Amino acid sequence: MTMARAARTLSSPPRSPRAGDAPPRRIETASPEDCRAFEDALNESSAPRVDNSSQLLRQTGFMAAARTLDLAILYALAASGLAASVSGPFWGAPFYLAAPWFLAPAMVSYIFTLTGIYDFLKSSSLFAHLAKTSAGFALGGGLAALWIAFSGAPMRPVILTGGASAVALLAVHAALYLTAAHLRSSGALRTKVVIVGATPNARALIEANAETGDLDVIGVFDDRMDERTPSVIGDAPVIGTLEDMTSWARLPEARKIIITVTSHAETRVRQLVSRLDALPQRIALFLDVEGTDPRATTLSRLADSPIAYLSGGPDCRSAAVAKRAQDLAIGALGFLAVAPAMAVIALLIKLDSPGPVFFRQFRHGFNNSIIEVWKFRTMRPEEASRPTRQVEADDPRVTRIGRFLRKTSLDELPQLFNVLRGDMSLVGPRPHAIDMKTGDVESHRLVAEYAHRHRVKPGITGWAAVHGSRGPVHTPEAVRERVAYDIEYIERQNVWLDLWIMLMTVPCLLGDRLAPR
């Protein structure tokens, strides 16, 4: 992904969406006045702190628990089967005989994952789920049985272990299915969405969802509200216009926005997508036409209804869990390591100037939610409450100890509190102030994909930081460069990249004497 691609301005030519694109792609711009009004309302809204990512973690945790339970059962039965196949304890079995027994459970679990057996978020009948489980076990267990048989093991333990495994897995998956159905009905495993378009398509989707329970429709909005617009569709309230949606306190809770305007109204759909492009949520279109080109969209189903994703790749639940585990483990160890240094810094700040030790500022977090970010205070108390003007070289507002803290980025250490609380990540786009300006222009106006920095949690360090884009951004080109790096990180993010960025952060900071901080 090139810098020019990621940092196109609002006036750049439109492009068609492609499957797997992480940042949403503008299809066709609405009028500049409409886009500006919508983005102004979005950035002036003051949504409360909402940890939208916890929804994804709950869903991922349930699937991880199901996979772990399967593996525990299969490994226990595999150990019993191996013990029955050899004389003496099973840990004394030769490698050629033990290997297939202990690789078989992993093979079955992998096939279950590939065939979607662990996806309890989508509703289906109990019979269909157990049938799929049986088919998956027949494939994985059959291959494992052949491998064990070729290793020379007697067949009786293989047959008995296979039968016991099938019965145990079916019983466990029946219980998991019923548990998932209960959690979906309570809303714990539902995906929260907002619908745009109080149309017959919206009613069809909501009625289908009443049967499946896949979604939690928290609100419906329409771009053409009039006296004929219903006040409620099914059990979902019709709240207002798109402008009302931007100031709606619950908007950060939604993981997806579904456009239910008829697909035949191409101009209206394009204008809606253009206006919604200012939001970080994934945008999807309810399909009510035949002949949709699957190469131009990410086809899926929600509430048993056809959906085309116009922005973003598929949710990666395992990556979300891995990243959160990494944040907790490294963040906790890091906090213990730097706690003595933080105590010394706090004392120096109190000795250097009157005022509080910490500076707290509201910034944009995941999904545009508002988070309170902690830092060591580096400005004089009367100046710290004016966040719109970015720091410049030799800024007179900065205290003596503040200059040192900013030069070494030690003022960011309290953000470990934000990481442990779940507001931030160790690695991610830096959280910008809500009303941050570049010159006299609000920074979010300078690049179309600015809001897509919020598709992941903000970080203490990031891909942009290790490439030299850190500190204040004083020109439109610097804003576009920062956003380009942020979007590139979102597309490439994985645990190994995060570890590399963390390792490179200190030498990059120590080697940078030019960026004002």
Foldseek 3Di string as FASTA:
>chain_A
DDLCVLFPAPPDDFDFFFAAFAAFGAHHADDPVLQVLLLVLLLPAAAADDLLCVLLQLQLVLLVVLLVVLLVLLLVLLLVLQPVQDPDHSVPDDCLQSVLSNCLSVQLSVLCVVLVLSNLLWFDDLVVSLVSSLVSCCVSLVVSLVSNVVSPTDCPSSVVSSVVSSVVSSVSSSVSNVVSVVCLVVVSNAAEEEEEDLDVQVLVLVVLCVVTSNHDHAAYEYQDDDPPRDQARDPHGHDYHSSVLSNDNCQLNHQEYEYEDAVVPVVVVSHVCNSCSLWQHWYKYFYDDPDDDCRRFPWDDTSNGIITTSHRHDDDSVQSVVQLVVLQVVLVVVCVVCVVVLVVQLVVVVVFADDHQKQWAWFQWARRHIDIAIFGDFFHPVCSVPQADFDDPPRPRGTPSSQVCQLQVVRRSVRSVVSNVSQAGQEAQATDHSQHDQAPHRLPNLGSNLNNSNNHGHHSYYQCQLVPLDGDDNDSVSSSSSSSSRSVCVSVPGPVVSVVRVVSNNVSSVPDPDHRD
